[in-house]
Amino acid sequence: MSANARHDSRTEATRLLCAGTYLDIEFRRRVIEELVEHEERPIAPSLGVDVVPVLTHALRARKQDAQTALLLLALWAAFIGVDFATSGDGVPPVWAALYAGVCFIQWSAHAAAGRGSAVYVVDKRTLREALKGHPAPLRVLVPVIPPLVVLAYWLFAVSSLVEGAGNWLALIFPLVLVLPVWMHRSRVAAVMRAELGRRAFAHAPRAVPETRHHLRIAQAIDREQYAGLTIYDPTRPFIGMGRPYEPWSFALELKRRKDAGPAGGPAAPFTGRTVVELVRPRLEALRKGAAETSRDRLKDLEIEEFVYLPVGPPRPRLDYADATVLRHLAESVDEGGEARRYFLRVRVGAWDEQVVVSVLVRVHTQGGMLVLEVVPHVLTPIKPEFRAVDVIASRGEDDVLRDGVRALLSGPAAGFAAAVSTVRSAVSGFRTWLADPQRAVPDGPAGSVREMAGTPGVSLFQEMDISRYVKTVQDRIASGVRDALRSQGFETDQFEQQIVQISEGGVFIGSMSGGAVAAGAGAQAKNTAKSGAS
């Protein structure tokens, strides 16, 4: 396990992602699909997260759902069998069918509201709030119909029993079916308290898979998630970095200053490595200055060289040894190739790794040109629903009665959710066996565990911080490139003009004729041409 893994296995982001595997079945499904069903894909770079514990908890959560579903299946079989036996010859098991309909309707309401279908669902929003943005009939009917159906079932069961037309099964079996759900909730709560609570997580051992097959995948993840190189598919670049944030680039002709020396004299080699070596000290100075004068997250700024390699050999044959990584970095920094791409990666993990800003810089200087590419990316905060881990962990073990009532209220939907989860797990297992991913065609990452759990947007405070981090880093990059040009005797006027335009959000055009440019919201541009001389 690398030093980064030892550090990131204790981050807040890792803790919340581990908890999310119990609270969001869709997130858990996508984690297992990307990491297990597609074992042929190397993992995307992990920024502030250790993926191995997340996979471990996802597998454990799936196993717990399967155990609950099998127990519920046995109880349902008994329910249907006894109902059929007591209903008389030729009479179908009416009460079992009615209660199955109740379970389906309640589960469908939760699924329609986008609450997921995990057995243990925690959502502070009401169904009406969760359906905000949906058509008005759906917002009105979905919150009302499920409780009315449950109430109607119990009233009908009680009245039938009083009139002598029913039997005790209609009341007893729904209560018995709550017990597996109650047990499941207790097991999840125990994990939240003992392993995923804030204090417990800081000292608990790193979770790793139990089976040999999954342990092999975890070992591959450890080799890849913090390596200085990653494999990518040309149609899916920058997986794991988040969403792009105002990327920009420009090309500049290298012209020597008149006072730089005699024309035709020998010129020192000006390469991408030259620029990188002048940019890096400025970024390090920024980190040092922030650490000395403030608590700004720039004090933890990370700077590393990184290389992207196209899909090639099968995953087991990929070499992540330090010597191999250094060789790729040394060869790619100046080649400016299309397939193998070198970047200087600058990362800021803010808001307890909830907001991660990564700025990737690429420089190449072939053909008497300087080309600078700056590609900022942002990882958005983790879904707020995952913070329910703190609510669950804060409840004591003596909260049995209250949790039993919660299990009773959520039992119909939770039982159906367990069945859905188990069916999906069985399909996933069969699909993995059938595809045999170890022997599949090599591929690049198609998804990132950290990106899967991100929210659609950020708050205004977070947006302000993102903008500040990106602009500050870009300023240091620009100053390093400018000094590199000056130190080699090249003109910098055009470079400085372009940087000013870009930093102010404008548009720089070296020269144009017969065109029009508009920039900014609501801007308009018109081009009128007149024939003849005025």
Protein backbone atom coordinates (compact mmCIF):
# COMPACT_ATOMS: atom_id res chain seq x y z
CA MET A 1 0.00 0.00 0.00
CA SER A 2 1.42 3.39 -1.03
CA ALA A 3 1.81 6.42 1.24
CA ASN A 4 -1.07 8.13 -0.59
CA ALA A 5 -3.32 5.15 0.07
CA ARG A 6 -2.45 5.23 3.77
CA HIS A 7 -3.38 8.92 3.88
CA ASP A 8 -6.48 8.86 1.67
CA SER A 9 -7.93 5.79 3.36
CA ARG A 10 -8.70 8.11 6.31
CA THR A 11 -10.15 11.08 4.38
CA GLU A 12 -13.71 12.33 4.84
CA ALA A 13 -14.43 11.60 1.18
CA THR A 14 -13.45 7.94 1.59
CA ARG A 15 -15.60 7.60 4.71
CA LEU A 16 -18.68 9.06 3.00
CA LEU A 17 -18.24 6.90 -0.10
CA CYS A 18 -18.00 3.78 2.07
CA ALA A 19 -21.22 4.77 3.84
CA GLY A 20 -22.91 5.52 0.52
CA THR A 21 -22.63 1.90 -0.56
CA TYR A 22 -25.13 0.98 2.19
CA LEU A 23 -27.47 3.91 1.58
CA ASP A 24 -27.65 4.10 -2.23
CA ILE A 25 -28.07 0.87 -4.16
CA GLU A 26 -27.52 2.58 -7.51
CA PHE A 27 -24.15 3.98 -6.41
CA ARG A 28 -23.17 0.56 -5.05
CA ARG A 29 -24.20 -1.13 -8.31
CA ARG A 30 -22.09 1.26 -10.39
CA VAL A 31 -19.05 0.80 -8.13
CA ILE A 32 -19.20 -2.98 -8.44
CA GLU A 33 -19.92 -2.81 -12.17
CA GLU A 34 -16.89 -0.62 -12.89
CA LEU A 35 -14.43 -2.35 -10.59
CA VAL A 36 -15.54 -6.00 -10.67
CA GLU A 37 -17.62 -6.59 -13.80
CA HIS A 38 -15.03 -4.74 -15.89
CA GLU A 39 -11.87 -6.07 -14.34
CA GLU A 40 -10.10 -5.50 -17.67
CA ARG A 41 -10.23 -1.72 -17.08
CA PRO A 42 -7.49 -0.08 -15.00
CA ILE A 43 -8.87 2.26 -12.39
CA ALA A 44 -9.09 6.02 -12.96
CA PRO A 45 -6.78 8.24 -10.86
CA SER A 46 -8.03 8.57 -7.27
CA LEU A 47 -7.99 12.14 -5.97
CA GLY A 48 -8.39 12.30 -2.20
CA VAL A 49 -10.08 8.88 -2.05
CA ASP A 50 -8.92 5.33 -1.38
CA VAL A 51 -11.06 3.10 -3.60
CA VAL A 52 -10.23 -0.24 -1.96
CA PRO A 53 -12.29 0.35 1.24
CA VAL A 54 -15.16 1.66 -0.90
CA LEU A 55 -15.18 -1.54 -2.96
CA THR A 56 -14.93 -3.62 0.20
CA HIS A 57 -17.96 -2.00 1.80
CA ALA A 58 -19.89 -2.19 -1.48
CA LEU A 59 -19.36 -5.96 -1.58
CA ARG A 60 -20.29 -6.33 2.09
CA ALA A 61 -23.45 -4.23 1.64
CA ARG A 62 -24.49 -6.36 -1.34
CA LYS A 63 -23.92 -9.52 0.69
CA GLN A 64 -26.07 -8.20 3.56
CA ASP A 65 -28.86 -7.31 1.13
CA ALA A 66 -28.71 -10.84 -0.30
CA GLN A 67 -28.93 -12.42 3.15
CA THR A 68 -31.95 -10.27 4.02
CA ALA A 69 -33.61 -11.08 0.71
CA LEU A 70 -33.14 -14.84 1.16
CA LEU A 71 -34.65 -14.71 4.63
CA LEU A 72 -37.57 -12.67 3.32
CA LEU A 73 -38.00 -15.14 0.47
CA ALA A 74 -38.29 -17.99 2.93
CA LEU A 75 -40.89 -16.10 4.96
CA TRP A 76 -42.84 -15.18 1.84
CA ALA A 77 -42.86 -18.83 0.76
CA ALA A 78 -44.26 -19.76 4.19
CA PHE A 79 -46.79 -16.92 3.99
CA ILE A 80 -48.05 -18.03 0.59
CA GLY A 81 -48.07 -21.70 1.54
CA VAL A 82 -50.03 -21.21 4.76
CA ASP A 83 -52.39 -18.73 3.07
CA PHE A 84 -53.04 -21.22 0.29
CA ALA A 85 -53.60 -24.04 2.77
CA THR A 86 -56.08 -22.07 4.89
CA SER A 87 -57.98 -20.50 1.99
CA GLY A 88 -59.67 -23.68 0.89
CA ASP A 89 -59.57 -25.72 -2.29
CA GLY A 90 -59.20 -23.72 -5.47
CA VAL A 91 -58.91 -20.36 -3.69
CA PRO A 92 -55.70 -18.41 -4.45
CA PRO A 93 -53.60 -16.91 -1.62
CA VAL A 94 -55.46 -13.60 -1.55
CA TRP A 95 -53.79 -12.03 1.50
CA ALA A 96 -50.28 -12.75 0.23
CA ALA A 97 -51.17 -11.22 -3.14
CA LEU A 98 -52.69 -8.14 -1.52
CA TYR A 99 -49.68 -7.49 0.72
CA ALA A 100 -47.28 -8.07 -2.19
CA GLY A 101 -49.15 -5.30 -4.03
CA VAL A 102 -48.75 -3.02 -1.00
CA CYS A 103 -45.00 -3.66 -0.97
CA PHE A 104 -44.67 -2.97 -4.68
CA ILE A 105 -46.62 0.29 -4.54
CA GLN A 106 -44.61 1.65 -1.62
CA TRP A 107 -41.30 0.70 -3.25
CA SER A 108 -42.39 2.23 -6.58
CA ALA A 109 -43.16 5.52 -4.85
CA HIS A 110 -39.67 5.70 -3.35
CA ALA A 111 -38.08 4.75 -6.68
CA ALA A 112 -40.12 7.38 -8.55
CA ALA A 113 -38.89 10.02 -6.09
CA GLY A 114 -35.29 9.12 -6.85
CA ARG A 115 -34.58 7.93 -3.32
CA GLY A 116 -32.89 4.78 -4.49
CA SER A 117 -33.94 1.34 -3.36
CA ALA A 118 -31.53 0.34 -0.62
CA VAL A 119 -32.97 -1.59 2.31
CA TYR A 120 -31.71 1.12 4.65
CA VAL A 121 -32.95 4.43 3.21
CA VAL A 122 -32.32 7.69 5.02
CA ASP A 123 -33.65 10.85 3.38
CA LYS A 124 -34.64 14.00 5.25
CA ARG A 125 -36.83 15.12 2.36
CA THR A 126 -40.49 14.26 2.12
CA LEU A 127 -41.70 12.49 -1.00
CA ARG A 128 -43.18 15.78 -2.22
CA GLU A 129 -39.83 17.54 -1.82
CA ALA A 130 -38.01 14.68 -3.53
CA LEU A 131 -40.39 14.96 -6.50
CA LYS A 132 -39.78 18.66 -6.98
CA GLY A 133 -39.54 19.40 -10.69
CA HIS A 134 -41.75 16.46 -11.70
CA PRO A 135 -45.25 16.92 -13.20
CA ALA A 136 -47.88 18.20 -10.77
CA PRO A 137 -50.05 15.01 -10.81
CA LEU A 138 -47.02 12.95 -9.82
CA ARG A 139 -46.15 15.34 -6.97
CA VAL A 140 -49.71 15.08 -5.66
CA LEU A 141 -50.39 11.37 -6.06
CA VAL A 142 -47.06 9.70 -5.15
CA PRO A 143 -46.89 11.05 -1.55
CA VAL A 144 -50.55 10.22 -0.90
CA ILE A 145 -51.21 6.85 -2.52
CA PRO A 146 -48.69 4.60 -0.64
CA PRO A 147 -49.84 5.47 2.91
CA LEU A 148 -53.47 5.22 1.81
CA VAL A 149 -52.84 1.77 0.33
CA VAL A 150 -51.11 0.60 3.53
CA LEU A 151 -53.93 1.98 5.67
CA ALA A 152 -56.54 0.39 3.40
CA TYR A 153 -54.82 -3.01 3.71
CA TRP A 154 -54.78 -2.92 7.52
CA LEU A 155 -58.40 -1.70 7.75
CA PHE A 156 -59.53 -4.40 5.36
CA ALA A 157 -57.57 -7.10 7.23
CA VAL A 158 -58.95 -6.06 10.63
CA SER A 159 -62.53 -5.70 9.40
CA SER A 160 -62.38 -9.08 7.64
CA LEU A 161 -61.11 -10.68 10.83
CA VAL A 162 -63.87 -9.07 12.89
CA GLU A 163 -66.52 -10.21 10.43
CA GLY A 164 -65.08 -13.73 10.40
CA ALA A 165 -64.17 -13.61 6.73
CA GLY A 166 -60.42 -13.21 7.27
CA ASN A 167 -57.72 -14.96 9.24
CA TRP A 168 -54.84 -14.00 11.49
CA LEU A 169 -52.29 -14.49 8.72
CA ALA A 170 -53.22 -11.10 7.24
CA LEU A 171 -51.99 -9.41 10.44
CA ILE A 172 -49.27 -11.74 11.71
CA PHE A 173 -47.21 -12.29 8.56
CA PRO A 174 -46.73 -8.59 7.66
CA LEU A 175 -45.38 -8.11 11.19
CA VAL A 176 -43.12 -11.15 10.87
CA LEU A 177 -41.80 -9.81 7.55
CA VAL A 178 -40.60 -6.71 9.39
CA LEU A 179 -38.11 -8.75 11.44
CA PRO A 180 -35.54 -9.34 8.64
CA VAL A 181 -35.68 -5.64 7.76
CA TRP A 182 -35.19 -4.74 11.42
CA MET A 183 -32.22 -7.10 11.65
CA HIS A 184 -30.73 -5.63 8.48
CA ARG A 185 -31.05 -2.09 9.80
CA SER A 186 -29.37 -3.16 13.03
CA ARG A 187 -26.43 -4.66 11.14
CA VAL A 188 -25.99 -1.52 9.03
CA ALA A 189 -26.19 0.69 12.12
CA ALA A 190 -23.52 -1.44 13.80
CA VAL A 191 -21.18 -0.93 10.82
CA MET A 192 -21.83 2.82 10.88
CA ARG A 193 -21.02 3.03 14.59
CA ALA A 194 -18.07 0.65 14.78
CA GLU A 195 -16.34 1.38 11.46
CA LEU A 196 -17.68 4.47 9.68
CA GLY A 197 -18.32 6.93 12.50
CA ARG A 198 -15.92 9.89 12.53
CA ARG A 199 -13.85 8.70 15.48
CA ALA A 200 -14.09 5.01 14.67
CA PHE A 201 -13.04 5.53 11.03
CA ALA A 202 -9.89 7.39 12.05
CA HIS A 203 -8.60 4.35 13.95
CA ALA A 204 -10.27 1.36 12.29
CA PRO A 205 -8.03 -0.85 10.12
CA ARG A 206 -8.26 -0.34 6.38
CA ALA A 207 -11.08 -2.47 4.99
CA VAL A 208 -10.01 -4.96 2.31
CA PRO A 209 -12.04 -7.63 0.45
CA GLU A 210 -12.26 -11.14 1.84
CA THR A 211 -12.42 -13.41 -1.20
CA ARG A 212 -9.36 -14.25 -3.29
CA HIS A 213 -10.95 -12.94 -6.49
CA HIS A 214 -11.82 -9.55 -5.02
CA LEU A 215 -8.51 -9.33 -3.19
CA ARG A 216 -6.74 -9.66 -6.54
CA ILE A 217 -8.76 -6.73 -7.86
CA ALA A 218 -7.93 -4.68 -4.73
CA GLN A 219 -4.21 -5.32 -5.27
CA ALA A 220 -4.50 -4.10 -8.85
CA ILE A 221 -6.30 -0.97 -7.64
CA ASP A 222 -3.50 -0.30 -5.15
CA ARG A 223 -0.96 -0.44 -7.99
CA GLU A 224 -2.91 1.94 -10.19
CA GLN A 225 -4.88 4.51 -8.23
CA TYR A 226 -1.90 6.67 -7.18
CA ALA A 227 0.57 5.83 -9.95
CA GLY A 228 2.24 8.55 -12.01
CA LEU A 229 0.63 7.21 -15.16
CA THR A 230 -2.84 6.11 -16.17
CA ILE A 231 -4.37 4.31 -19.12
CA TYR A 232 -7.06 6.11 -21.08
CA ASP A 233 -9.42 5.58 -23.99
CA PRO A 234 -9.18 8.40 -26.59
CA THR A 235 -12.96 8.87 -26.45
CA ARG A 236 -12.93 9.18 -22.64
CA PRO A 237 -10.04 11.44 -21.57
CA PHE A 238 -9.53 12.79 -18.04
CA ILE A 239 -11.77 10.22 -16.33
CA GLY A 240 -11.50 10.76 -12.57
CA MET A 241 -10.66 14.46 -12.72
CA GLY A 242 -14.25 15.72 -12.60
CA ARG A 243 -15.91 18.24 -14.88
CA PRO A 244 -13.81 20.63 -17.01
CA TYR A 245 -13.61 24.18 -15.68
CA GLU A 246 -12.84 26.78 -18.35
CA PRO A 247 -9.94 25.04 -20.16
CA TRP A 248 -7.82 27.19 -22.44
CA SER A 249 -4.75 27.02 -24.64
CA PHE A 250 -2.76 29.10 -27.07
CA ALA A 251 0.08 28.83 -29.53
CA LEU A 252 2.87 31.39 -29.72
CA GLU A 253 5.62 31.82 -32.30
CA LEU A 254 9.00 31.94 -30.62
CA LYS A 255 10.80 35.12 -31.65
CA ARG A 256 14.14 36.03 -30.20
CA ARG A 257 14.62 39.53 -28.79
CA LYS A 258 16.98 41.83 -30.63
CA ASP A 259 19.10 42.22 -27.50
CA ALA A 260 19.26 38.47 -26.91
CA GLY A 261 22.54 38.02 -28.77
CA PRO A 262 23.95 38.07 -32.28
CA ALA A 263 21.66 36.81 -34.99
CA GLY A 264 22.45 33.30 -36.00
CA GLY A 265 24.36 32.65 -32.78
CA PRO A 266 23.92 29.35 -30.94
CA ALA A 267 20.70 29.29 -28.92
CA ALA A 268 20.21 27.28 -25.78
CA PRO A 269 17.69 24.47 -26.20
CA PHE A 270 14.19 25.57 -25.24
CA THR A 271 12.02 22.55 -24.39
CA GLY A 272 8.93 21.66 -22.44
CA ARG A 273 11.14 20.49 -19.60
CA THR A 274 12.69 23.98 -19.47
CA VAL A 275 9.28 25.52 -18.92
CA VAL A 276 8.19 22.91 -16.36
CA GLU A 277 11.33 23.43 -14.29
CA LEU A 278 10.59 27.18 -14.09
CA VAL A 279 6.85 26.77 -13.40
CA ARG A 280 7.26 24.24 -10.59
CA PRO A 281 9.28 26.45 -8.18
CA ARG A 282 6.61 29.17 -8.41
CA LEU A 283 3.91 26.71 -7.45
CA GLU A 284 6.01 25.43 -4.56
CA ALA A 285 6.58 29.01 -3.40
CA LEU A 286 2.82 29.56 -3.50
CA ARG A 287 2.29 26.51 -1.29
CA LYS A 288 5.00 27.60 1.15
CA GLY A 289 3.67 31.16 1.35
CA ALA A 290 0.12 29.97 2.04
CA ALA A 291 1.37 27.63 4.79
CA GLU A 292 3.30 30.41 6.50
CA THR A 293 0.63 33.10 6.42
CA SER A 294 -2.82 31.45 6.48
CA ARG A 295 -4.93 28.33 6.78
CA ASP A 296 -5.82 28.47 3.11
CA ARG A 297 -6.04 25.09 1.37
CA LEU A 298 -3.31 26.23 -1.00
CA LYS A 299 -0.90 25.28 1.79
CA ASP A 300 -1.69 21.62 0.92
CA LEU A 301 -1.32 22.12 -2.83
CA GLU A 302 0.04 18.98 -4.50
CA ILE A 303 2.32 19.12 -7.54
CA GLU A 304 3.21 16.04 -9.55
CA GLU A 305 4.10 15.00 -13.07
CA PHE A 306 1.64 12.73 -14.77
CA VAL A 307 1.44 10.88 -18.07
CA TYR A 308 -1.52 9.44 -19.99
CA LEU A 309 -0.93 6.27 -21.99
CA PRO A 310 -3.33 4.90 -24.63
CA VAL A 311 -4.95 1.52 -24.18
CA GLY A 312 -2.44 -1.19 -25.00
CA PRO A 313 -1.45 -4.40 -23.19
CA PRO A 314 -3.88 -6.30 -20.96
CA ARG A 315 -4.21 -4.96 -17.43
CA PRO A 316 -2.07 -7.64 -15.69
CA ARG A 317 0.85 -6.87 -18.00
CA LEU A 318 0.90 -3.11 -17.35
CA ASP A 319 4.05 -1.99 -15.53
CA TYR A 320 3.62 0.63 -12.80
CA ALA A 321 7.13 0.33 -11.37
CA ASP A 322 8.81 3.62 -10.42
CA ALA A 323 11.54 3.16 -13.05
CA THR A 324 8.94 2.65 -15.79
CA VAL A 325 6.92 5.69 -14.73
CA LEU A 326 10.05 7.88 -14.65
CA ARG A 327 11.01 6.71 -18.11
CA HIS A 328 7.60 7.60 -19.53
CA LEU A 329 7.72 11.02 -17.86
CA ALA A 330 11.21 11.76 -19.19
CA GLU A 331 10.35 10.68 -22.74
CA SER A 332 6.92 12.29 -23.03
CA VAL A 333 7.59 15.76 -21.58
CA ASP A 334 9.17 17.03 -24.80
CA GLU A 335 7.68 14.81 -27.49
CA GLY A 336 4.29 16.56 -27.88
CA GLY A 337 2.73 13.35 -29.16
CA GLU A 338 -0.95 12.61 -29.65
CA ALA A 339 -1.15 9.27 -27.85
CA ARG A 340 1.24 9.56 -24.90
CA ARG A 341 0.58 12.87 -23.16
CA TYR A 342 2.54 14.49 -20.36
CA PHE A 343 0.94 16.87 -17.86
CA LEU A 344 2.06 18.75 -14.79
CA ARG A 345 -0.85 18.17 -12.39
CA VAL A 346 -1.60 20.66 -9.63
CA ARG A 347 -4.25 19.59 -7.12
CA VAL A 348 -6.05 21.39 -4.29
CA GLY A 349 -8.33 19.33 -2.02
CA ALA A 350 -10.72 21.78 -0.34
CA TRP A 351 -13.68 21.47 1.99
CA ASP A 352 -12.40 18.18 3.49
CA GLU A 353 -11.79 16.79 -0.02
CA GLN A 354 -15.40 17.59 -0.92
CA VAL A 355 -14.23 20.00 -3.62
CA VAL A 356 -11.13 18.95 -5.55
CA VAL A 357 -9.54 21.33 -8.05
CA SER A 358 -7.01 19.87 -10.48
CA VAL A 359 -5.15 21.99 -13.02
CA LEU A 360 -3.33 20.03 -15.73
CA VAL A 361 -0.63 21.85 -17.68
CA ARG A 362 0.96 20.68 -20.92
CA VAL A 363 3.73 22.49 -22.79
CA HIS A 364 5.45 21.64 -26.04
CA THR A 365 7.83 23.70 -28.17
CA GLN A 366 8.25 21.99 -31.52
CA GLY A 367 8.58 23.81 -34.85
CA GLY A 368 9.55 27.19 -33.44
CA MET A 369 6.24 27.41 -31.56
CA LEU A 370 5.29 27.37 -27.90
CA VAL A 371 1.97 25.63 -27.22
CA LEU A 372 0.54 25.90 -23.71
CA GLU A 373 -2.54 23.89 -22.68
CA VAL A 374 -4.17 24.48 -19.28
CA VAL A 375 -7.06 22.15 -18.39
CA PRO A 376 -8.66 22.79 -14.97
CA HIS A 377 -11.10 20.18 -13.61
CA VAL A 378 -13.36 20.16 -10.56
CA LEU A 379 -14.72 17.25 -8.52
CA THR A 380 -18.01 18.36 -6.93
CA PRO A 381 -19.06 17.56 -3.33
CA ILE A 382 -20.28 14.10 -2.38
CA LYS A 383 -24.04 13.57 -2.21
CA PRO A 384 -25.40 15.03 1.06
CA GLU A 385 -27.50 11.89 1.63
CA PHE A 386 -24.30 9.99 2.44
CA ARG A 387 -23.86 12.17 5.53
CA ALA A 388 -26.66 10.17 7.12
CA VAL A 389 -23.82 7.96 8.39
CA ASP A 390 -23.28 10.49 11.20
CA VAL A 391 -26.98 10.41 12.13
CA ILE A 392 -27.01 6.62 12.24
CA ALA A 393 -23.70 6.37 14.09
CA SER A 394 -24.86 8.83 16.76
CA ARG A 395 -27.81 6.63 17.69
CA GLY A 396 -27.00 4.38 20.61
CA GLU A 397 -27.48 0.64 20.74
CA ASP A 398 -30.43 1.20 23.06
CA ASP A 399 -32.43 2.79 20.22
CA VAL A 400 -33.97 -0.59 19.47
CA LEU A 401 -37.66 0.24 19.88
CA ARG A 402 -37.51 3.41 17.79
CA ASP A 403 -35.61 1.61 15.04
CA GLY A 404 -38.19 -1.17 15.15
CA VAL A 405 -40.93 1.36 14.43
CA ARG A 406 -38.86 2.73 11.54
CA ALA A 407 -38.50 -0.81 10.20
CA LEU A 408 -42.26 -1.31 10.47
CA LEU A 409 -42.98 1.87 8.49
CA SER A 410 -40.36 1.19 5.84
CA GLY A 411 -40.75 -2.62 5.84
CA PRO A 412 -42.90 -3.06 2.70
CA ALA A 413 -40.60 -0.97 0.49
CA ALA A 414 -37.43 -2.32 2.12
CA GLY A 415 -38.45 -5.93 1.55
CA PHE A 416 -39.07 -5.31 -2.12
CA ALA A 417 -35.78 -3.37 -2.34
CA ALA A 418 -33.91 -6.37 -0.92
CA ALA A 419 -35.43 -8.57 -3.61
CA VAL A 420 -34.51 -6.10 -6.36
CA SER A 421 -30.96 -5.81 -5.02
CA THR A 422 -30.51 -9.58 -4.91
CA VAL A 423 -31.86 -10.10 -8.42
CA ARG A 424 -29.48 -7.42 -9.69
CA SER A 425 -26.59 -9.06 -7.84
CA ALA A 426 -27.40 -12.42 -9.36
CA VAL A 427 -27.58 -10.89 -12.84
CA SER A 428 -24.30 -9.06 -12.20
CA GLY A 429 -22.58 -12.26 -11.09
CA PHE A 430 -23.83 -14.20 -14.09
CA ARG A 431 -22.86 -11.39 -16.46
CA THR A 432 -19.36 -11.25 -14.97
CA TRP A 433 -18.95 -15.02 -15.25
CA LEU A 434 -20.21 -15.01 -18.82
CA ALA A 435 -17.98 -12.09 -19.95
CA ASP A 436 -14.85 -13.41 -18.19
CA PRO A 437 -13.40 -9.86 -17.87
CA GLN A 438 -9.88 -11.11 -17.13
CA ARG A 439 -9.67 -12.18 -20.77
CA ALA A 440 -11.66 -9.30 -22.24
CA VAL A 441 -10.24 -6.79 -24.74
CA PRO A 442 -8.12 -4.19 -22.88
CA ASP A 443 -9.96 -0.95 -22.21
CA GLY A 444 -9.52 2.34 -20.37
CA PRO A 445 -11.55 3.52 -17.35
CA ALA A 446 -15.17 4.33 -18.14
CA GLY A 447 -16.08 5.78 -14.76
CA SER A 448 -14.63 7.07 -11.51
CA VAL A 449 -15.92 6.04 -8.08
CA ARG A 450 -15.42 9.60 -6.82
CA GLU A 451 -17.26 11.14 -9.79
CA MET A 452 -20.17 8.71 -9.41
CA ALA A 453 -20.96 10.13 -5.97
CA GLY A 454 -20.68 13.82 -6.91
CA THR A 455 -23.49 16.37 -6.77
CA PRO A 456 -24.57 18.21 -9.94
CA GLY A 457 -23.28 21.57 -8.69
CA VAL A 458 -21.52 23.50 -5.94
CA SER A 459 -22.51 26.23 -3.52
CA LEU A 460 -21.65 29.89 -4.11
CA PHE A 461 -18.90 29.78 -1.47
CA GLN A 462 -17.40 26.72 -3.12
CA GLU A 463 -17.63 28.32 -6.57
CA MET A 464 -15.76 31.35 -5.25
CA ASP A 465 -13.03 29.13 -3.82
CA ILE A 466 -12.75 27.14 -7.06
CA SER A 467 -12.37 30.33 -9.08
CA ARG A 468 -9.73 31.64 -6.69
CA TYR A 469 -7.70 28.43 -6.72
CA VAL A 470 -7.78 28.14 -10.51
CA LYS A 471 -6.86 31.78 -11.10
CA THR A 472 -4.07 31.70 -8.53
CA VAL A 473 -2.52 28.56 -9.98
CA GLN A 474 -2.89 29.86 -13.53
CA ASP A 475 -1.12 33.09 -12.54
CA ARG A 476 1.87 31.11 -11.24
CA ILE A 477 1.89 29.03 -14.42
CA ALA A 478 1.83 32.16 -16.59
CA SER A 479 4.66 33.79 -14.64
CA GLY A 480 6.77 30.65 -14.96
CA VAL A 481 6.23 30.48 -18.72
CA ARG A 482 7.01 34.19 -19.09
CA ASP A 483 10.26 33.82 -17.15
CA ALA A 484 11.17 30.79 -19.22
CA LEU A 485 10.73 32.82 -22.41
CA ARG A 486 12.78 35.71 -21.04
CA SER A 487 15.57 33.49 -19.77
CA GLN A 488 15.96 32.02 -23.25
CA GLY A 489 15.95 35.41 -24.97
CA PHE A 490 12.49 35.24 -26.54
CA GLU A 491 9.98 38.07 -26.89
CA THR A 492 7.18 38.04 -24.31
CA ASP A 493 4.94 40.94 -25.39
CA GLN A 494 2.47 38.81 -27.32
CA PHE A 495 2.43 36.17 -24.58
CA GLU A 496 1.64 38.77 -21.90
CA GLN A 497 -1.13 40.25 -24.03
CA GLN A 498 -2.78 36.87 -24.47
CA ILE A 499 -2.49 36.04 -20.77
CA VAL A 500 -4.12 39.35 -19.79
CA GLN A 501 -7.02 38.71 -22.15
CA ILE A 502 -7.53 35.15 -20.90
CA SER A 503 -7.29 36.06 -17.20
CA GLU A 504 -9.98 38.73 -17.64
CA GLY A 505 -12.29 36.31 -19.41
CA GLY A 506 -11.96 38.05 -22.76
CA VAL A 507 -11.15 36.88 -26.26
CA PHE A 508 -7.76 37.47 -27.86
CA ILE A 509 -7.39 37.33 -31.62
CA GLY A 510 -4.00 38.00 -33.17
CA SER A 511 -5.43 39.36 -36.42
CA MET A 512 -8.69 39.20 -38.31
CA SER A 513 -10.33 40.60 -41.39
CA GLY A 514 -13.97 40.79 -42.33
CA GLY A 515 -15.30 39.22 -39.15
CA ALA A 516 -17.12 40.02 -35.95
CA VAL A 517 -16.64 38.88 -32.36
CA ALA A 518 -19.06 38.95 -29.43
CA ALA A 519 -18.28 37.90 -25.87
CA GLY A 520 -20.36 37.84 -22.71
CA ALA A 521 -24.02 37.27 -21.92
CA GLY A 522 -26.36 39.02 -24.32
CA ALA A 523 -23.55 40.35 -26.51
CA GLN A 524 -24.19 40.86 -30.23
CA ALA A 525 -21.84 41.29 -33.13
CA LYS A 526 -22.60 42.45 -36.67
CA ASN A 527 -20.45 42.64 -39.74
CA THR A 528 -21.43 45.03 -42.53
CA ALA A 529 -19.58 45.29 -45.80
CA LYS A 530 -19.89 48.19 -48.28
CA SER A 531 -18.73 48.08 -51.85
CA GLY A 532 -16.74 50.93 -53.31
CA ALA A 533 -14.82 53.73 -51.62
CA SER A 534 -16.44 56.24 -49.36
